[in-house]
PDB file of N, CA and C in Angstrom:
ATOM      1  N   UNK A   1     -13.031   7.914 -14.052  1.00  0.00           N
ATOM      2  CA  UNK A   1     -12.026   8.739 -13.459  1.00  0.00           C
ATOM      3  C   UNK A   1     -12.152   9.693 -12.837  1.00  0.00           C
ATOM      4  N   UNK A   2     -13.676   9.952 -12.513  1.00  0.00           N
ATOM      5  CA  UNK A   2     -13.803  11.554 -11.286  1.00  0.00           C
ATOM      6  C   UNK A   2     -14.167  10.871 -10.221  1.00  0.00           C
ATOM      7  N   UNK A   3     -14.559   9.448 -10.237  1.00  0.00           N
ATOM      8  CA  UNK A   3     -14.727   8.610  -9.343  1.00  0.00           C
ATOM      9  C   UNK A   3     -13.128   8.425  -8.586  1.00  0.00           C
ATOM     10  N   UNK A   4     -12.454   8.325  -9.511  1.00  0.00           N
ATOM     11  CA  UNK A   4     -11.044   8.059  -8.635  1.00  0.00           C
ATOM     12  C   UNK A   4      -9.776   9.572  -8.224  1.00  0.00           C
ATOM     13  N   UNK A   5     -10.273  10.320  -8.807  1.00  0.00           N
ATOM     14  CA  UNK A   5     -10.012  11.742  -8.897  1.00  0.00           C
ATOM     15  C   UNK A   5     -10.453  11.859  -7.292  1.00  0.00           C
ATOM     16  N   UNK A   6     -12.076  11.986  -7.267  1.00  0.00           N
ATOM     17  CA  UNK A   6     -12.565  12.112  -6.112  1.00  0.00           C
ATOM     18  C   UNK A   6     -12.090  11.770  -4.710  1.00  0.00           C
ATOM     19  N   UNK A   7     -11.846  10.209  -5.051  1.00  0.00           N
ATOM     20  CA  UNK A   7     -11.388   9.279  -4.039  1.00  0.00           C
ATOM     21  C   UNK A   7      -9.590   9.714  -3.645  1.00  0.00           C
ATOM     22  N   UNK A   8      -9.210   9.905  -4.504  1.00  0.00           N
ATOM     23  CA  UNK A   8      -7.836  10.598  -4.205  1.00  0.00           C
ATOM     24  C   UNK A   8      -7.737  11.644  -3.463  1.00  0.00           C
ATOM     25  N   UNK A   9      -9.040  12.648  -3.690  1.00  0.00           N
ATOM     26  CA  UNK A   9      -8.998  14.044  -2.749  1.00  0.00           C
ATOM     27  C   UNK A   9      -9.433  13.679  -1.555  1.00  0.00           C
ATOM     28  N   UNK A  10     -10.616  12.633  -1.615  1.00  0.00           N
ATOM     29  CA  UNK A  10     -11.053  12.206   0.125  1.00  0.00           C
ATOM     30  C   UNK A  10     -10.217  11.785   0.746  1.00  0.00           C
ATOM     31  N   UNK A  11      -9.403  10.470   0.102  1.00  0.00           N
ATOM     32  CA  UNK A  11      -8.384   9.254   1.284  1.00  0.00           C
ATOM     33  C   UNK A  11      -7.052  10.481   1.014  1.00  0.00           C
ATOM     34  N   UNK A  12      -6.551  10.883   0.081  1.00  0.00           N
ATOM     35  CA  UNK A  12      -5.274  11.520  -0.021  1.00  0.00           C
ATOM     36  C   UNK A  12      -4.828  12.460   0.763  1.00  0.00           C
ATOM     37  N   UNK A  13      -6.115  13.022   0.860  1.00  0.00           N
ATOM     38  CA  UNK A  13      -5.775  14.449   1.910  1.00  0.00           C
ATOM     39  C   UNK A  13      -5.659  14.315   3.220  1.00  0.00           C
ATOM     40  N   UNK A  14      -6.652  13.005   3.848  1.00  0.00           N
ATOM     41  CA  UNK A  14      -6.131  13.076   5.046  1.00  0.00           C
ATOM     42  C   UNK A  14      -4.780  12.079   5.532  1.00  0.00           C
ATOM     43  N   UNK A  15      -4.566  11.335   4.660  1.00  0.00           N
ATOM     44  CA  UNK A  15      -3.234  10.829   4.134  1.00  0.00           C
ATOM     45  C   UNK A  15      -1.942  11.857   4.521  1.00  0.00           C
ATOM     46  N   UNK A  16      -2.049  12.955   3.663  1.00  0.00           N
ATOM     47  CA  UNK A  16      -1.031  13.851   3.677  1.00  0.00           C
ATOM     48  C   UNK A  16      -0.966  14.521   4.658  1.00  0.00           C
ATOM     49  N   UNK A  17      -2.026  15.122   5.609  1.00  0.00           N
ATOM     50  CA  UNK A  17      -2.222  15.841   6.583  1.00  0.00           C
ATOM     51  C   UNK A  17      -1.506  14.692   7.665  1.00  0.00           C
ATOM     52  N   UNK A  18      -1.615  13.578   7.874  1.00  0.00           N
ATOM     53  CA  UNK A  18      -0.883  12.766   8.967  1.00  0.00           C
ATOM     54  C   UNK A  18       0.478  12.785   8.705  1.00  0.00           C
ATOM     55  N   UNK A  19       0.858  12.576   7.286  1.00  0.00           N
ATOM     56  CA  UNK A  19       2.296  12.481   7.029  1.00  0.00           C
ATOM     57  C   UNK A  19       3.091  14.319   7.418  1.00  0.00           C
ATOM     58  N   UNK A  20       2.302  14.807   7.215  1.00  0.00           N
ATOM     59  CA  UNK A  20       2.972  16.215   7.388  1.00  0.00           C
ATOM     60  C   UNK A  20       3.083  16.654   9.050  1.00  0.00           C
ATOM     61  N   UNK A  21       1.981  15.975   9.796  1.00  0.00           N
ATOM     62  CA  UNK A  21       1.999  15.726  10.986  1.00  0.00           C
ATOM     63  C   UNK A  21       3.417  15.661  11.372  1.00  0.00           C
ATOM     64  N   UNK A  22       3.703  14.587  10.748  1.00  0.00           N
ATOM     65  CA  UNK A  22       5.098  13.619  11.223  1.00  0.00           C
ATOM     66  C   UNK A  22       6.069  14.349  11.355  1.00  0.00           C
ATOM     67  N   UNK A  23       6.168  15.340   9.916  1.00  0.00           N
ATOM     68  CA  UNK A  23       7.506  16.181   9.676  1.00  0.00           C
ATOM     69  C   UNK A  23       7.650  17.062  10.112  1.00  0.00           C
ATOM     70  N   UNK A  24       6.536  17.969  10.307  1.00  0.00           N
ATOM     71  CA  UNK A  24       6.378  19.456  10.826  1.00  0.00           C
ATOM     72  C   UNK A  24       5.222  19.684  11.894  1.00  0.00           C
ATOM     73  N   UNK A  25       5.225  19.500  12.807  1.00  0.00           N
ATOM     74  CA  UNK A  25       4.220  19.045  13.772  1.00  0.00           C
ATOM     75  C   UNK A  25       2.890  20.395  14.287  1.00  0.00           C
ATOM     76  N   UNK A  26       4.333  21.799  13.845  1.00  0.00           N
ATOM     77  CA  UNK A  26       3.509  22.927  14.177  1.00  0.00           C
ATOM     78  C   UNK A  26       2.874  23.719  13.056  1.00  0.00           C
ATOM     79  N   UNK A  27       3.292  23.267  12.383  1.00  0.00           N
ATOM     80  CA  UNK A  27       2.546  23.533  11.065  1.00  0.00           C
ATOM     81  C   UNK A  27       1.019  23.083  10.819  1.00  0.00           C
ATOM     82  N   UNK A  28       0.834  21.646  11.292  1.00  0.00           N
ATOM     83  CA  UNK A  28      -0.355  21.248  11.253  1.00  0.00           C
ATOM     84  C   UNK A  28      -1.616  21.819  12.459  1.00  0.00           C
ATOM     85  N   UNK A  29      -0.677  21.639  13.687  1.00  0.00           N
ATOM     86  CA  UNK A  29      -1.464  22.123  15.063  1.00  0.00           C
ATOM     87  C   UNK A  29      -1.846  23.292  14.757  1.00  0.00           C
ATOM     88  N   UNK A  30      -3.262  23.449  15.525  1.00  0.00           N
ATOM     89  CA  UNK A  30      -3.893  24.633  15.562  1.00  0.00           C
ATOM     90  C   UNK A  30      -4.795  24.732  16.563  1.00  0.00           C
ATOM     91  N   UNK A  31      -5.720  25.716  16.787  1.00  0.00           N
ATOM     92  CA  UNK A  31      -6.353  26.086  17.703  1.00  0.00           C
ATOM     93  C   UNK A  31      -7.600  27.072  17.439  1.00  0.00           C
ATOM     94  N   UNK A  32      -8.611  25.908  17.266  1.00  0.00           N
ATOM     95  CA  UNK A  32      -9.746  26.297  17.200  1.00  0.00           C
ATOM     96  C   UNK A  32     -10.589  26.232  15.566  1.00  0.00           C
ATOM     97  N   UNK A  33     -10.774  27.476  15.254  1.00  0.00           N
ATOM     98  CA  UNK A  33     -11.143  27.237  13.998  1.00  0.00           C
ATOM     99  C   UNK A  33     -10.101  27.862  12.974  1.00  0.00           C
ATOM    100  N   UNK A  34      -8.778  27.289  13.753  1.00  0.00           N
ATOM    101  CA  UNK A  34      -7.103  27.724  12.715  1.00  0.00           C
ATOM    102  C   UNK A  34      -6.724  26.783  12.182  1.00  0.00           C
ATOM    103  N   UNK A  35      -7.923  25.384  12.373  1.00  0.00           N
ATOM    104  CA  UNK A  35      -6.549  23.985  12.270  1.00  0.00           C
ATOM    105  C   UNK A  35      -6.810  23.778  11.342  1.00  0.00           C
ATOM    106  N   UNK A  36      -5.479  23.313  10.325  1.00  0.00           N
ATOM    107  CA  UNK A  36      -5.575  23.174   9.023  1.00  0.00           C
ATOM    108  C   UNK A  36      -6.508  22.483   8.394  1.00  0.00           C
ATOM    109  N   UNK A  37      -7.071  21.185   8.829  1.00  0.00           N
ATOM    110  CA  UNK A  37      -7.898  19.911   8.421  1.00  0.00           C
ATOM    111  C   UNK A  37      -8.939  21.204   7.704  1.00  0.00           C
ATOM    112  N   UNK A  38      -9.638  21.787   8.424  1.00  0.00           N
ATOM    113  CA  UNK A  38     -10.775  22.823   8.456  1.00  0.00           C
ATOM    114  C   UNK A  38     -10.503  23.404   7.233  1.00  0.00           C
ATOM    115  N   UNK A  39      -9.313  23.848   6.622  1.00  0.00           N
ATOM    116  CA  UNK A  39      -8.918  24.724   5.364  1.00  0.00           C
ATOM    117  C   UNK A  39      -8.829  23.475   4.071  1.00  0.00           C
ATOM    118  N   UNK A  40      -8.218  22.514   4.743  1.00  0.00           N
ATOM    119  CA  UNK A  40      -8.081  21.241   3.504  1.00  0.00           C
ATOM    120  C   UNK A  40      -9.483  20.997   3.056  1.00  0.00           C
ATOM    121  N   UNK A  41     -10.691  21.360   4.046  1.00  0.00           N
ATOM    122  CA  UNK A  41     -11.774  20.857   3.529  1.00  0.00           C
ATOM    123  C   UNK A  41     -12.498  21.597   2.396  1.00  0.00           C
ATOM    124  N   UNK A  42     -12.310  22.731   3.035  1.00  0.00           N
ATOM    125  CA  UNK A  42     -12.513  23.511   1.701  1.00  0.00           C
ATOM    126  C   UNK A  42     -12.310  22.961   0.295  1.00  0.00           C
ATOM    127  N   UNK A  43     -10.639  23.241   0.377  1.00  0.00           N
ATOM    128  CA  UNK A  43     -10.089  22.545  -0.648  1.00  0.00           C
ATOM    129  C   UNK A  43     -10.840  21.292  -1.511  1.00  0.00           C
ATOM    130  N   UNK A  44     -10.842  20.323  -0.972  1.00  0.00           N
ATOM    131  CA  UNK A  44     -11.645  19.421  -0.817  1.00  0.00           C
ATOM    132  C   UNK A  44     -12.959  19.346  -1.670  1.00  0.00           C
ATOM    133  N   UNK A  45     -13.647  20.324  -1.203  1.00  0.00           N
ATOM    134  CA  UNK A  45     -15.340  20.498  -1.628  1.00  0.00           C
ATOM    135  C   UNK A  45     -15.042  21.253  -3.013  1.00  0.00           C
ATOM    136  N   UNK A  46     -13.958  22.119  -2.691  1.00  0.00           N
ATOM    137  CA  UNK A  46     -14.187  22.392  -4.299  1.00  0.00           C
ATOM    138  C   UNK A  46     -13.744  21.878  -5.694  1.00  0.00           C
ATOM    139  N   UNK A  47     -12.726  20.891  -5.224  1.00  0.00           N
ATOM    140  CA  UNK A  47     -12.043  20.021  -6.042  1.00  0.00           C
ATOM    141  C   UNK A  47     -13.544  18.908  -6.337  1.00  0.00           C
ATOM    142  N   UNK A  48     -13.973  18.324  -5.484  1.00  0.00           N
ATOM    143  CA  UNK A  48     -15.484  17.836  -5.726  1.00  0.00           C
ATOM    144  C   UNK A  48     -16.556  17.962  -6.409  1.00  0.00           C
ATOM    145  N   UNK A  49     -16.505  19.272  -6.079  1.00  0.00           N
ATOM    146  CA  UNK A  49     -17.609  20.576  -6.471  1.00  0.00           C
ATOM    147  C   UNK A  49     -18.073  21.641  -6.822  1.00  0.00           C
ATOM    148  N   UNK A  50     -16.568  21.878  -6.769  1.00  0.00           N
ATOM    149  CA  UNK A  50     -16.539  23.524  -7.095  1.00  0.00           C
ATOM    150  C   UNK A  50     -16.180  24.933  -6.193  1.00  0.00           C
ATOM    151  N   UNK A  51     -17.052  25.984  -6.301  1.00  0.00           N
ATOM    152  CA  UNK A  51     -16.863  26.740  -5.587  1.00  0.00           C
ATOM    153  C   UNK A  51     -17.820  26.452  -4.536  1.00  0.00           C
ATOM    154  N   UNK A  52     -19.166  26.074  -5.220  1.00  0.00           N
ATOM    155  CA  UNK A  52     -20.527  26.486  -4.154  1.00  0.00           C
ATOM    156  C   UNK A  52     -20.182  25.069  -2.743  1.00  0.00           C
ATOM    157  N   UNK A  53     -19.392  24.061  -3.569  1.00  0.00           N
ATOM    158  CA  UNK A  53     -19.097  22.914  -2.065  1.00  0.00           C
ATOM    159  C   UNK A  53     -18.030  23.573  -1.408  1.00  0.00           C
ATOM    160  N   UNK A  54     -16.791  24.467  -1.727  1.00  0.00           N
ATOM    161  CA  UNK A  54     -16.073  25.284  -1.223  1.00  0.00           C
ATOM    162  C   UNK A  54     -16.627  26.011  -0.032  1.00  0.00           C
ATOM    163  N   UNK A  55     -17.849  26.629  -0.433  1.00  0.00           N
ATOM    164  CA  UNK A  55     -18.024  27.988   0.382  1.00  0.00           C
ATOM    165  C   UNK A  55     -18.675  27.237   1.472  1.00  0.00           C
ATOM    166  N   UNK A  56     -19.513  25.678   0.981  1.00  0.00           N
ATOM    167  CA  UNK A  56     -20.724  24.959   1.959  1.00  0.00           C
ATOM    168  C   UNK A  56     -19.793  24.749   3.101  1.00  0.00           C
ATOM    169  N   UNK A  57     -18.230  24.141   2.461  1.00  0.00           N
ATOM    170  CA  UNK A  57     -17.418  23.508   3.474  1.00  0.00           C
ATOM    171  C   UNK A  57     -16.886  24.494   4.325  1.00  0.00           C
ATOM    172  N   UNK A  58     -16.634  25.509   3.852  1.00  0.00           N
ATOM    173  CA  UNK A  58     -16.428  26.832   4.682  1.00  0.00           C
ATOM    174  C   UNK A  58     -17.191  26.989   6.267  1.00  0.00           C
ATOM    175  N   UNK A  59     -18.445  26.851   5.556  1.00  0.00           N
ATOM    176  CA  UNK A  59     -19.117  27.262   6.393  1.00  0.00           C
ATOM    177  C   UNK A  59     -19.956  25.798   7.416  1.00  0.00           C
ATOM    178  N   UNK A  60     -19.461  24.898   7.249  1.00  0.00           N
ATOM    179  CA  UNK A  60     -19.754  23.749   7.852  1.00  0.00           C
ATOM    180  C   UNK A  60     -19.208  23.446   9.157  1.00  0.00           C
ATOM    181  N   UNK A  61     -17.737  23.353   8.413  1.00  0.00           N
ATOM    182  CA  UNK A  61     -16.363  23.161   9.535  1.00  0.00           C
ATOM    183  C   UNK A  61     -16.359  24.597   9.889  1.00  0.00           C
ATOM    184  N   UNK A  62     -16.290  25.648   9.458  1.00  0.00           N
ATOM    185  CA  UNK A  62     -16.378  26.974  10.594  1.00  0.00           C
ATOM    186  C   UNK A  62     -14.758  27.342  10.034  1.00  0.00           C
ATOM    187  N   UNK A  63     -14.107  26.712   9.350  1.00  0.00           N
ATOM    188  CA  UNK A  63     -12.853  27.441   9.169  1.00  0.00           C
ATOM    189  C   UNK A  63     -12.353  29.213   9.288  1.00  0.00           C
ATOM    190  N   UNK A  64     -11.628  29.265  10.106  1.00  0.00           N
ATOM    191  CA  UNK A  64     -11.127  31.049  10.429  1.00  0.00           C
ATOM    192  C   UNK A  64     -11.126  31.722   8.891  1.00  0.00           C
ATOM    193  N   UNK A  65     -12.286  32.787   8.546  1.00  0.00           N
ATOM    194  CA  UNK A  65     -12.408  33.252   7.159  1.00  0.00           C
ATOM    195  C   UNK A  65     -11.465  34.238   6.487  1.00  0.00           C
ATOM    196  N   UNK A  66     -10.930  35.063   7.719  1.00  0.00           N
ATOM    197  CA  UNK A  66      -9.811  35.509   7.239  1.00  0.00           C
ATOM    198  C   UNK A  66      -8.667  34.966   6.573  1.00  0.00           C
ATOM    199  N   UNK A  67      -8.307  33.522   6.831  1.00  0.00           N
ATOM    200  CA  UNK A  67      -7.357  33.003   6.290  1.00  0.00           C
ATOM    201  C   UNK A  67      -7.990  31.462   5.224  1.00  0.00           C
ATOM    202  N   UNK A  68      -9.364  32.016   4.963  1.00  0.00           N
ATOM    203  CA  UNK A  68     -10.214  31.453   3.423  1.00  0.00           C
ATOM    204  C   UNK A  68      -9.685  31.668   2.732  1.00  0.00           C
ATOM    205  N   UNK A  69      -8.860  33.380   2.437  1.00  0.00           N
ATOM    206  CA  UNK A  69      -8.235  33.108   1.172  1.00  0.00           C
ATOM    207  C   UNK A  69      -7.257  33.047   0.911  1.00  0.00           C
ATOM    208  N   UNK A  70      -6.702  32.764   1.696  1.00  0.00           N
ATOM    209  CA  UNK A  70      -5.253  31.696   1.543  1.00  0.00           C
ATOM    210  C   UNK A  70      -5.592  30.242   0.808  1.00  0.00           C
ATOM    211  N   UNK A  71      -6.721  29.716   1.106  1.00  0.00           N
ATOM    212  CA  UNK A  71      -7.362  28.524   0.943  1.00  0.00           C
ATOM    213  C   UNK A  71      -7.526  28.381  -0.701  1.00  0.00           C
ATOM    214  N   UNK A  72      -8.374  29.593  -1.057  1.00  0.00           N
ATOM    215  CA  UNK A  72      -8.809  29.917  -2.005  1.00  0.00           C
ATOM    216  C   UNK A  72      -7.618  30.121  -3.433  1.00  0.00           C
ATOM    217  N   UNK A  73      -6.425  30.768  -2.384  1.00  0.00           N
ATOM    218  CA  UNK A  73      -5.336  31.009  -3.323  1.00  0.00           C
ATOM    219  C   UNK A  73      -4.453  29.556  -3.708  1.00  0.00           C
ATOM    220  N   UNK A  74      -4.374  28.709  -2.994  1.00  0.00           N
ATOM    221  CA  UNK A  74      -3.829  27.274  -3.168  1.00  0.00           C
ATOM    222  C   UNK A  74      -4.940  26.114  -3.997  1.00  0.00           C
ATOM    223  N   UNK A  75      -5.963  26.680  -3.959  1.00  0.00           N
ATOM    224  CA  UNK A  75      -6.883  25.953  -4.853  1.00  0.00           C
ATOM    225  C   UNK A  75      -6.608  26.323  -6.340  1.00  0.00           C
ATOM    226  N   UNK A  76      -6.912  27.796  -6.740  1.00  0.00           N
ATOM    227  CA  UNK A  76      -6.776  28.320  -7.851  1.00  0.00           C
ATOM    228  C   UNK A  76      -5.491  28.029  -8.487  1.00  0.00           C
ATOM    229  N   UNK A  77      -4.160  28.360  -7.320  1.00  0.00           N
ATOM    230  CA  UNK A  77      -2.621  27.891  -8.253  1.00  0.00           C
ATOM    231  C   UNK A  77      -2.523  26.675  -8.489  1.00  0.00           C
ATOM    232  N   UNK A  78      -2.952  25.438  -7.665  1.00  0.00           N
ATOM    233  CA  UNK A  78      -2.957  23.954  -7.779  1.00  0.00           C
ATOM    234  C   UNK A  78      -3.412  23.979  -9.309  1.00  0.00           C
ATOM    235  N   UNK A  79      -4.783  24.490  -9.107  1.00  0.00           N
ATOM    236  CA  UNK A  79      -5.515  24.153 -10.772  1.00  0.00           C
ATOM    237  C   UNK A  79      -5.214  24.834 -11.740  1.00  0.00           C
ATOM    238  N   UNK A  80      -4.246  25.622 -11.524  1.00  0.00           N
ATOM    239  CA  UNK A  80      -4.088  26.104 -12.936  1.00  0.00           C
ATOM    240  C   UNK A  80      -2.636  25.152 -13.547  1.00  0.00           C
ATOM    241  N   UNK A  81      -1.748  25.087 -12.448  1.00  0.00           N
ATOM    242  CA  UNK A  81      -0.466  24.292 -12.580  1.00  0.00           C
ATOM    243  C   UNK A  81      -0.758  22.778 -13.147  1.00  0.00           C
ATOM    244  N   UNK A  82      -2.353  22.550 -12.757  1.00  0.00           N
ATOM    245  CA  UNK A  82      -2.202  20.955 -13.230  1.00  0.00           C
ATOM    246  C   UNK A  82      -2.939  21.157 -14.830  1.00  0.00           C
ATOM    247  N   UNK A  83      -3.662  22.338 -14.673  1.00  0.00           N
ATOM    248  CA  UNK A  83      -3.616  23.023 -16.699  1.00  0.00           C
ATOM    249  C   UNK A  83      -3.212  22.513 -17.414  1.00  0.00           C
ATOM    250  N   UNK A  84      -1.915  23.931 -16.226  1.00  0.00           N
ATOM    251  CA  UNK A  84      -0.582  23.795 -17.713  1.00  0.00           C
ATOM    252  C   UNK A  84       0.273  22.606 -17.834  1.00  0.00           C
ATOM    253  N   UNK A  85      -0.115  21.776 -16.801  1.00  0.00           N
ATOM    254  CA  UNK A  85       0.338  20.130 -17.030  1.00  0.00           C
ATOM    255  C   UNK A  85      -0.346  19.459 -18.750  1.00  0.00           C
ATOM    256  N   UNK A  86      -1.423  19.166 -17.848  1.00  0.00           N
ATOM    257  CA  UNK A  86      -2.376  18.734 -19.039  1.00  0.00           C
ATOM    258  C   UNK A  86      -2.051  19.018 -20.446  1.00  0.00           C
ATOM    259  N   UNK A  87      -2.232  20.492 -20.611  1.00  0.00           N
ATOM    260  CA  UNK A  87      -2.027  21.112 -21.782  1.00  0.00           C
ATOM    261  C   UNK A  87      -0.280  20.875 -22.328  1.00  0.00           C
ATOM    262  N   UNK A  88       0.475  20.851 -21.821  1.00  0.00           N
ATOM    263  CA  UNK A  88       1.926  20.348 -21.630  1.00  0.00           C
ATOM    264  C   UNK A  88       1.973  18.906 -22.362  1.00  0.00           C
ATOM    265  N   UNK A  89       1.134  18.576 -21.611  1.00  0.00           N
ATOM    266  CA  UNK A  89       1.058  17.224 -22.253  1.00  0.00           C
ATOM    267  C   UNK A  89       0.528  16.610 -23.486  1.00  0.00           C
ATOM    268  N   UNK A  90      -0.471  17.090 -23.684  1.00  0.00           N
ATOM    269  CA  UNK A  90      -1.331  17.025 -25.095  1.00  0.00           C
ATOM    270  C   UNK A  90      -0.621  17.027 -26.549  1.00  0.00           C
ATOM    271  N   UNK A  91       0.264  17.995 -26.181  1.00  0.00           N
ATOM    272  CA  UNK A  91       1.246  18.068 -27.403  1.00  0.00           C
ATOM    273  C   UNK A  91       2.129  16.969 -27.196  1.00  0.00           C
ATOM    274  N   UNK A  92       2.454  16.199 -26.334  1.00  0.00           N
ATOM    275  CA  UNK A  92       2.980  15.115 -26.467  1.00  0.00           C
ATOM    276  C   UNK A  92       2.274  13.781 -26.937  1.00  0.00           C
ATOM    277  N   UNK A  93       0.722  14.026 -27.112  1.00  0.00           N
ATOM    278  CA  UNK A  93       0.447  13.291 -27.891  1.00  0.00           C
ATOM    279  C   UNK A  93       0.511  12.013 -29.082  1.00  0.00           C
ATOM    280  N   UNK A  94       0.100  11.481 -29.473  1.00  0.00           N
ATOM    281  CA  UNK A  94       0.609  10.637 -30.889  1.00  0.00           C
ATOM    282  C   UNK A  94      -0.676  10.981 -31.622  1.00  0.00           C
TER     283      UNK A  94
END
């Protein structure tokens, strides 16, 4: 399951980024260190290996540090929503 989740993040992120660039290119396009893929790499790092990997991706890919807080917020909100869904579905287990 861990491997499937990791592949989903690694493969799903770029595919989603590509599809969204077709729908709304202005949001995806950026200049220099404000390119959205750099920020998404920090989120992928977090999902794959936690906060230390998220910070490592920030340093490696050079994402804009003032915008990094938004990526942390996305990471926390998505994780909490997913946890709520899992807890809800546990009650449906027979």
